[in-house]
Structure formats: structure tokens, C-alpha cells
Amino acid sequence: MFGSAAGLVGAGITIRSTSVKARTPKLVIIEESSIPESRQFCEALMEGDHHAEIVRIDRSLNGLLDQLSDSSACFVGLTSDPAAMIASQLLLERGGQPHLEGKHHYTQGRWMHQTNGTSSLLERASNGWPTALAYHIRDLMDGSINDHTAECRSGACNLAASSPGALVSWAIQVEDHLS
């Protein structure tokens, strides 16, 4: 984590090291394996939390519906639609409480982000924005920072051929007594 954090701090992004485990009984990270940004986000979110569970889904959404039936967990993902939309709808119908939702669009050689957080959070991260976002989500879920809606652009970056061009980051907490 320190190597990644040092690189992001050098890029002008402040990162706090926090633990998701304190507030959530279980962390389930949804990774859309065919999307490089989703894999990068998942790896960063897993750092330091060996109790988190990763659910790898493909474009057919195999594995997603089974995992969403877990009784008590915080579900987190950086996925394309329809995965993000389906997960959100099902978890909210079960009484889940959303922590955040961010929209990320690739346009004119840059990622445009509308997320919870400070306006400079992702603007200088370029290709490292999924890592910066993962650390920010940890801080939000831990309660160590306040959130507010912001919009920013990343630095110039090259889009991988397998990237969809539009992603959604989300975190929804589902408790036993709500389901």
C-alpha cells in the first residue's frame, strides 16, 4: 500500500490509511474482470484487508446474483452498467443503505468523474484514478472524511481497449435486520 500511496501523494492526492473492517461485518468487492479499471480498484481496496471477499464477474454477470443474496455485507464495486444498475437495484430492494455512487466517463482522452469527495481527488491521478478512488471509498466507509458531490477530470490517460468508457463506483451496506 505504501508504494501506491506514495505515488498518489506525489501526484497531489492526499490518502489516509483506514480500515473498512471496523464498521462492516463483511466486505464484498465486485470486480468486473474484463475491465482494467475495475481490477485496479479491486486490488487497491483489498490491500490491508485480508478478510474481504472478491467476486469476479464477467460481462454475462455470472456470479453476481448469487453473491448479492448474502445476508449481511458491504458490497462495493467499480463496474459498468448493467452490473452496477442491477446490483444497486437488488441491494436497495433488500433494504441496503447506499454509501456512495460515482459516475466515471471517458471523453477526449480523459476520464471525467462525478464522485463524492474533493474536487482534486481524481484530477491528477490519470491512469491511477481507480486506486485513488479505492482509498477514498475506504475513508468514506470508515467515516474519517465527509463526503460531498464533486466533479473533476483526470489527467490525460490512455484507455485500454477492454474499457467500456463509462463506469460506476458504488458501495451499499446491507444488514441482517434489513433483509
C-alpha atoms as a PDB file:
ATOM      1  CA  MET A   1       0.000   0.000   0.000  1.00  0.00           C
ATOM      2  CA  PHE A   2       2.789   2.431   0.787  1.00  0.00           C
ATOM      3  CA  GLY A   3       4.256   2.280  -2.728  1.00  0.00           C
ATOM      4  CA  SER A   4       0.900   3.087  -4.285  1.00  0.00           C
ATOM      5  CA  ALA A   5       0.110   5.732  -1.685  1.00  0.00           C
ATOM      6  CA  ALA A   6       3.467   7.453  -2.182  1.00  0.00           C
ATOM      7  CA  GLY A   7       2.881   7.677  -5.923  1.00  0.00           C
ATOM      8  CA  LEU A   8      -0.562   9.174  -5.435  1.00  0.00           C
ATOM      9  CA  VAL A   9       0.639  11.668  -2.822  1.00  0.00           C
ATOM     10  CA  GLY A  10       3.316  12.700  -5.323  1.00  0.00           C
ATOM     11  CA  ALA A  11       0.541  13.311  -7.827  1.00  0.00           C
ATOM     12  CA  GLY A  12      -1.171  15.702  -5.400  1.00  0.00           C
ATOM     13  CA  ILE A  13      -3.706  13.328  -3.870  1.00  0.00           C
ATOM     14  CA  THR A  14      -3.952  13.005  -0.107  1.00  0.00           C
ATOM     15  CA  ILE A  15      -4.607   9.483   1.126  1.00  0.00           C
ATOM     16  CA  ARG A  16      -5.490   8.310   4.602  1.00  0.00           C
ATOM     17  CA  SER A  17      -4.962   4.708   5.594  1.00  0.00           C
ATOM     18  CA  THR A  18      -8.141   3.369   7.197  1.00  0.00           C
ATOM     19  CA  SER A  19      -9.844   0.065   7.809  1.00  0.00           C
ATOM     20  CA  VAL A  20     -13.251  -0.901   6.466  1.00  0.00           C
ATOM     21  CA  LYS A  21     -13.473  -3.798   8.934  1.00  0.00           C
ATOM     22  CA  ALA A  22     -14.347  -1.541  11.885  1.00  0.00           C
ATOM     23  CA  ARG A  23     -17.779  -0.620  10.512  1.00  0.00           C
ATOM     24  CA  THR A  24     -18.759  -3.537   8.335  1.00  0.00           C
ATOM     25  CA  PRO A  25     -19.137  -7.186   9.278  1.00  0.00           C
ATOM     26  CA  LYS A  26     -18.083  -8.296   5.808  1.00  0.00           C
ATOM     27  CA  LEU A  27     -16.747  -6.542   2.726  1.00  0.00           C
ATOM     28  CA  VAL A  28     -17.651  -7.995  -0.679  1.00  0.00           C
ATOM     29  CA  ILE A  29     -15.847  -6.387  -3.612  1.00  0.00           C
ATOM     30  CA  ILE A  30     -17.382  -6.890  -7.040  1.00  0.00           C
ATOM     31  CA  GLU A  31     -14.708  -6.951  -9.751  1.00  0.00           C
ATOM     32  CA  GLU A  32     -15.652  -6.900 -13.408  1.00  0.00           C
ATOM     33  CA  SER A  33     -12.649  -8.883 -14.608  1.00  0.00           C
ATOM     34  CA  SER A  34     -12.679  -7.723 -18.227  1.00  0.00           C
ATOM     35  CA  ILE A  35     -12.284  -4.073 -17.202  1.00  0.00           C
ATOM     36  CA  PRO A  36      -8.747  -2.951 -16.230  1.00  0.00           C
ATOM     37  CA  GLU A  37     -10.018  -0.092 -14.034  1.00  0.00           C
ATOM     38  CA  SER A  38     -12.232  -2.488 -12.080  1.00  0.00           C
ATOM     39  CA  ARG A  39      -9.298  -4.848 -11.464  1.00  0.00           C
ATOM     40  CA  GLN A  40      -7.070  -1.959 -10.333  1.00  0.00           C
ATOM     41  CA  PHE A  41      -9.799  -0.662  -7.997  1.00  0.00           C
ATOM     42  CA  CYS A  42     -10.300  -4.130  -6.500  1.00  0.00           C
ATOM     43  CA  GLU A  43      -6.581  -4.668  -5.892  1.00  0.00           C
ATOM     44  CA  ALA A  44      -6.257  -1.326  -4.114  1.00  0.00           C
ATOM     45  CA  LEU A  45      -9.358  -1.901  -1.985  1.00  0.00           C
ATOM     46  CA  MET A  46      -8.088  -5.349  -0.961  1.00  0.00           C
ATOM     47  CA  GLU A  47      -4.743  -4.000   0.314  1.00  0.00           C
ATOM     48  CA  GLY A  48      -4.583  -4.398   4.065  1.00  0.00           C
ATOM     49  CA  ASP A  49      -7.977  -6.120   4.330  1.00  0.00           C
ATOM     50  CA  HIS A  50      -7.426  -9.854   4.110  1.00  0.00           C
ATOM     51  CA  HIS A  51     -10.980 -10.620   5.276  1.00  0.00           C
ATOM     52  CA  ALA A  52     -12.627  -9.019   2.242  1.00  0.00           C
ATOM     53  CA  GLU A  53     -14.133 -11.290  -0.371  1.00  0.00           C
ATOM     54  CA  ILE A  54     -13.727 -10.709  -4.106  1.00  0.00           C
ATOM     55  CA  VAL A  55     -16.463 -11.702  -6.527  1.00  0.00           C
ATOM     56  CA  ARG A  56     -15.205 -11.742 -10.090  1.00  0.00           C
ATOM     57  CA  ILE A  57     -17.895 -11.334 -12.697  1.00  0.00           C
ATOM     58  CA  ASP A  58     -17.748 -11.308 -16.479  1.00  0.00           C
ATOM     59  CA  ARG A  59     -19.893  -9.432 -18.967  1.00  0.00           C
ATOM     60  CA  SER A  60     -22.587 -12.105 -18.579  1.00  0.00           C
ATOM     61  CA  LEU A  61     -22.814 -11.158 -14.858  1.00  0.00           C
ATOM     62  CA  ASN A  62     -22.160 -14.767 -13.787  1.00  0.00           C
ATOM     63  CA  GLY A  63     -21.720 -14.916 -10.031  1.00  0.00           C
ATOM     64  CA  LEU A  64     -23.243 -11.522  -9.274  1.00  0.00           C
ATOM     65  CA  LEU A  65     -26.784 -12.571  -8.393  1.00  0.00           C
ATOM     66  CA  ASP A  66     -25.648 -15.403  -6.090  1.00  0.00           C
ATOM     67  CA  GLN A  67     -23.356 -13.101  -4.131  1.00  0.00           C
ATOM     68  CA  LEU A  68     -25.978 -10.388  -3.694  1.00  0.00           C
ATOM     69  CA  SER A  69     -28.078 -12.820  -1.656  1.00  0.00           C
ATOM     70  CA  ASP A  70     -25.511 -12.788   1.189  1.00  0.00           C
ATOM     71  CA  SER A  71     -27.334 -11.683   4.332  1.00  0.00           C
ATOM     72  CA  SER A  72     -25.036  -9.030   5.822  1.00  0.00           C
ATOM     73  CA  ALA A  73     -22.210  -7.286   3.999  1.00  0.00           C
ATOM     74  CA  CYS A  74     -20.984  -4.082   2.461  1.00  0.00           C
ATOM     75  CA  PHE A  75     -20.957  -4.543  -1.306  1.00  0.00           C
ATOM     76  CA  VAL A  76     -18.518  -2.327  -3.215  1.00  0.00           C
ATOM     77  CA  GLY A  77     -17.751  -2.176  -6.909  1.00  0.00           C
ATOM     78  CA  LEU A  78     -16.365  -0.209  -9.812  1.00  0.00           C
ATOM     79  CA  THR A  79     -18.319  -1.756 -12.663  1.00  0.00           C
ATOM     80  CA  SER A  80     -20.011  -0.911 -15.922  1.00  0.00           C
ATOM     81  CA  ASP A  81     -23.729  -0.969 -16.414  1.00  0.00           C
ATOM     82  CA  PRO A  82     -25.747  -3.121 -16.321  1.00  0.00           C
ATOM     83  CA  ALA A  83     -23.775  -4.707 -13.436  1.00  0.00           C
ATOM     84  CA  ALA A  84     -23.837  -1.523 -11.325  1.00  0.00           C
ATOM     85  CA  MET A  85     -27.514  -0.861 -12.022  1.00  0.00           C
ATOM     86  CA  ILE A  86     -28.608  -4.436 -11.266  1.00  0.00           C
ATOM     87  CA  ALA A  87     -26.536  -4.662  -8.081  1.00  0.00           C
ATOM     88  CA  SER A  88     -27.843  -1.319  -6.813  1.00  0.00           C
ATOM     89  CA  GLN A  89     -31.477  -2.163  -7.524  1.00  0.00           C
ATOM     90  CA  LEU A  90     -31.301  -5.576  -5.850  1.00  0.00           C
ATOM     91  CA  LEU A  91     -29.396  -4.363  -2.797  1.00  0.00           C
ATOM     92  CA  LEU A  92     -31.637  -1.338  -2.267  1.00  0.00           C
ATOM     93  CA  GLU A  93     -34.735  -3.566  -2.574  1.00  0.00           C
ATOM     94  CA  ARG A  94     -33.275  -5.662   0.273  1.00  0.00           C
ATOM     95  CA  GLY A  95     -33.086  -2.526   2.441  1.00  0.00           C
ATOM     96  CA  GLY A  96     -29.466  -1.662   1.770  1.00  0.00           C
ATOM     97  CA  GLN A  97     -28.110   1.754   2.654  1.00  0.00           C
ATOM     98  CA  PRO A  98     -26.007   3.394  -0.073  1.00  0.00           C
ATOM     99  CA  HIS A  99     -22.644   4.824   0.994  1.00  0.00           C
ATOM    100  CA  LEU A 100     -21.897   6.402  -2.375  1.00  0.00           C
ATOM    101  CA  GLU A 101     -22.279   6.307  -6.110  1.00  0.00           C
ATOM    102  CA  GLY A 102     -19.866   7.852  -8.584  1.00  0.00           C
ATOM    103  CA  LYS A 103     -20.098   8.157 -12.342  1.00  0.00           C
ATOM    104  CA  HIS A 104     -16.956   7.960 -14.491  1.00  0.00           C
ATOM    105  CA  HIS A 105     -16.974   8.743 -18.239  1.00  0.00           C
ATOM    106  CA  TYR A 106     -14.102   8.667 -20.709  1.00  0.00           C
ATOM    107  CA  THR A 107     -14.121  11.577 -23.146  1.00  0.00           C
ATOM    108  CA  GLN A 108     -11.479  13.482 -25.137  1.00  0.00           C
ATOM    109  CA  GLY A 109      -8.593  11.375 -23.815  1.00  0.00           C
ATOM    110  CA  ARG A 110      -9.506  11.886 -20.134  1.00  0.00           C
ATOM    111  CA  TRP A 111     -11.772  10.373 -17.541  1.00  0.00           C
ATOM    112  CA  MET A 112     -14.488  12.699 -16.217  1.00  0.00           C
ATOM    113  CA  HIS A 113     -15.565  11.853 -12.670  1.00  0.00           C
ATOM    114  CA  GLN A 114     -18.619  12.848 -10.677  1.00  0.00           C
ATOM    115  CA  THR A 115     -17.956  11.384  -7.243  1.00  0.00           C
ATOM    116  CA  ASN A 116     -18.216  12.019  -3.546  1.00  0.00           C
ATOM    117  CA  GLY A 117     -15.083  13.815  -2.398  1.00  0.00           C
ATOM    118  CA  THR A 118     -12.903  16.817  -3.009  1.00  0.00           C
ATOM    119  CA  SER A 119     -12.653  18.281  -6.471  1.00  0.00           C
ATOM    120  CA  SER A 120      -8.928  17.486  -6.720  1.00  0.00           C
ATOM    121  CA  LEU A 121      -9.349  13.835  -5.718  1.00  0.00           C
ATOM    122  CA  LEU A 122      -9.042  12.355  -9.190  1.00  0.00           C
ATOM    123  CA  GLU A 123      -7.995  15.229 -11.443  1.00  0.00           C
ATOM    124  CA  ARG A 124      -4.248  14.488 -11.385  1.00  0.00           C
ATOM    125  CA  ALA A 125      -4.441  10.725 -10.982  1.00  0.00           C
ATOM    126  CA  SER A 126      -4.591   9.904 -14.741  1.00  0.00           C
ATOM    127  CA  ASN A 127      -4.265   6.109 -15.017  1.00  0.00           C
ATOM    128  CA  GLY A 128      -4.124   5.690 -11.221  1.00  0.00           C
ATOM    129  CA  TRP A 129      -7.600   7.072 -10.527  1.00  0.00           C
ATOM    130  CA  PRO A 130      -9.151   3.679  -9.612  1.00  0.00           C
ATOM    131  CA  THR A 131      -6.540   3.324  -6.832  1.00  0.00           C
ATOM    132  CA  ALA A 132      -7.190   6.853  -5.551  1.00  0.00           C
ATOM    133  CA  LEU A 133     -10.913   6.152  -5.625  1.00  0.00           C
ATOM    134  CA  ALA A 134     -10.480   2.887  -3.667  1.00  0.00           C
ATOM    135  CA  TYR A 135      -8.612   4.708  -0.870  1.00  0.00           C
ATOM    136  CA  HIS A 136     -11.238   7.445  -0.850  1.00  0.00           C
ATOM    137  CA  ILE A 137     -14.044   4.880  -0.543  1.00  0.00           C
ATOM    138  CA  ARG A 138     -12.254   3.300   2.423  1.00  0.00           C
ATOM    139  CA  ASP A 139     -12.157   6.698   4.120  1.00  0.00           C
ATOM    140  CA  LEU A 140     -15.834   7.359   3.380  1.00  0.00           C
ATOM    141  CA  MET A 141     -16.942   3.992   4.728  1.00  0.00           C
ATOM    142  CA  ASP A 142     -14.766   4.397   7.808  1.00  0.00           C
ATOM    143  CA  GLY A 143     -16.278   7.824   8.490  1.00  0.00           C
ATOM    144  CA  SER A 144     -12.898   9.544   8.592  1.00  0.00           C
ATOM    145  CA  ILE A 145     -13.850  12.106   5.902  1.00  0.00           C
ATOM    146  CA  ASN A 146     -17.001  13.972   4.983  1.00  0.00           C
ATOM    147  CA  ASP A 147     -18.384  13.499   1.515  1.00  0.00           C
ATOM    148  CA  HIS A 148     -19.922  15.918  -0.911  1.00  0.00           C
ATOM    149  CA  THR A 149     -20.605  15.701  -4.604  1.00  0.00           C
ATOM    150  CA  ALA A 150     -17.805  16.931  -6.814  1.00  0.00           C
ATOM    151  CA  GLU A 151     -16.877  16.741 -10.444  1.00  0.00           C
ATOM    152  CA  CYS A 152     -13.316  16.595 -11.755  1.00  0.00           C
ATOM    153  CA  ARG A 153     -11.269  15.359 -14.684  1.00  0.00           C
ATOM    154  CA  SER A 154      -8.290  13.062 -14.608  1.00  0.00           C
ATOM    155  CA  GLY A 155      -5.025  13.860 -16.296  1.00  0.00           C
ATOM    156  CA  ALA A 156      -4.547  12.583 -19.816  1.00  0.00           C
ATOM    157  CA  CYS A 157      -4.647   8.787 -19.930  1.00  0.00           C
ATOM    158  CA  ASN A 158      -4.773   6.002 -22.461  1.00  0.00           C
ATOM    159  CA  LEU A 159      -7.955   3.976 -22.429  1.00  0.00           C
ATOM    160  CA  ALA A 160      -7.431   0.230 -22.560  1.00  0.00           C
ATOM    161  CA  ALA A 161      -9.219  -1.479 -25.443  1.00  0.00           C
ATOM    162  CA  SER A 162     -11.309  -3.518 -22.981  1.00  0.00           C
ATOM    163  CA  SER A 163     -12.532  -0.471 -21.041  1.00  0.00           C
ATOM    164  CA  PRO A 164     -16.189   0.393 -21.560  1.00  0.00           C
ATOM    165  CA  GLY A 165     -15.756   4.184 -21.433  1.00  0.00           C
ATOM    166  CA  ALA A 166     -18.391   4.578 -18.694  1.00  0.00           C
ATOM    167  CA  LEU A 167     -18.130   3.089 -15.192  1.00  0.00           C
ATOM    168  CA  VAL A 168     -19.993   3.426 -11.896  1.00  0.00           C
ATOM    169  CA  SER A 169     -18.428   3.181  -8.442  1.00  0.00           C
ATOM    170  CA  TRP A 170     -20.794   2.211  -5.657  1.00  0.00           C
ATOM    171  CA  ALA A 171     -20.932   0.955  -2.079  1.00  0.00           C
ATOM    172  CA  ILE A 172     -24.087  -0.351  -0.389  1.00  0.00           C
ATOM    173  CA  GLN A 173     -24.340  -1.727   3.158  1.00  0.00           C
ATOM    174  CA  VAL A 174     -26.886  -4.482   3.849  1.00  0.00           C
ATOM    175  CA  GLU A 175     -27.545  -5.513   7.474  1.00  0.00           C
ATOM    176  CA  ASP A 176     -29.154  -8.769   8.678  1.00  0.00           C
ATOM    177  CA  HIS A 177     -32.115  -6.989  10.238  1.00  0.00           C
ATOM    178  CA  LEU A 178     -32.843  -5.139   6.973  1.00  0.00           C
ATOM    179  CA  SER A 179     -33.084  -8.135   4.696  1.00  0.00           C
END
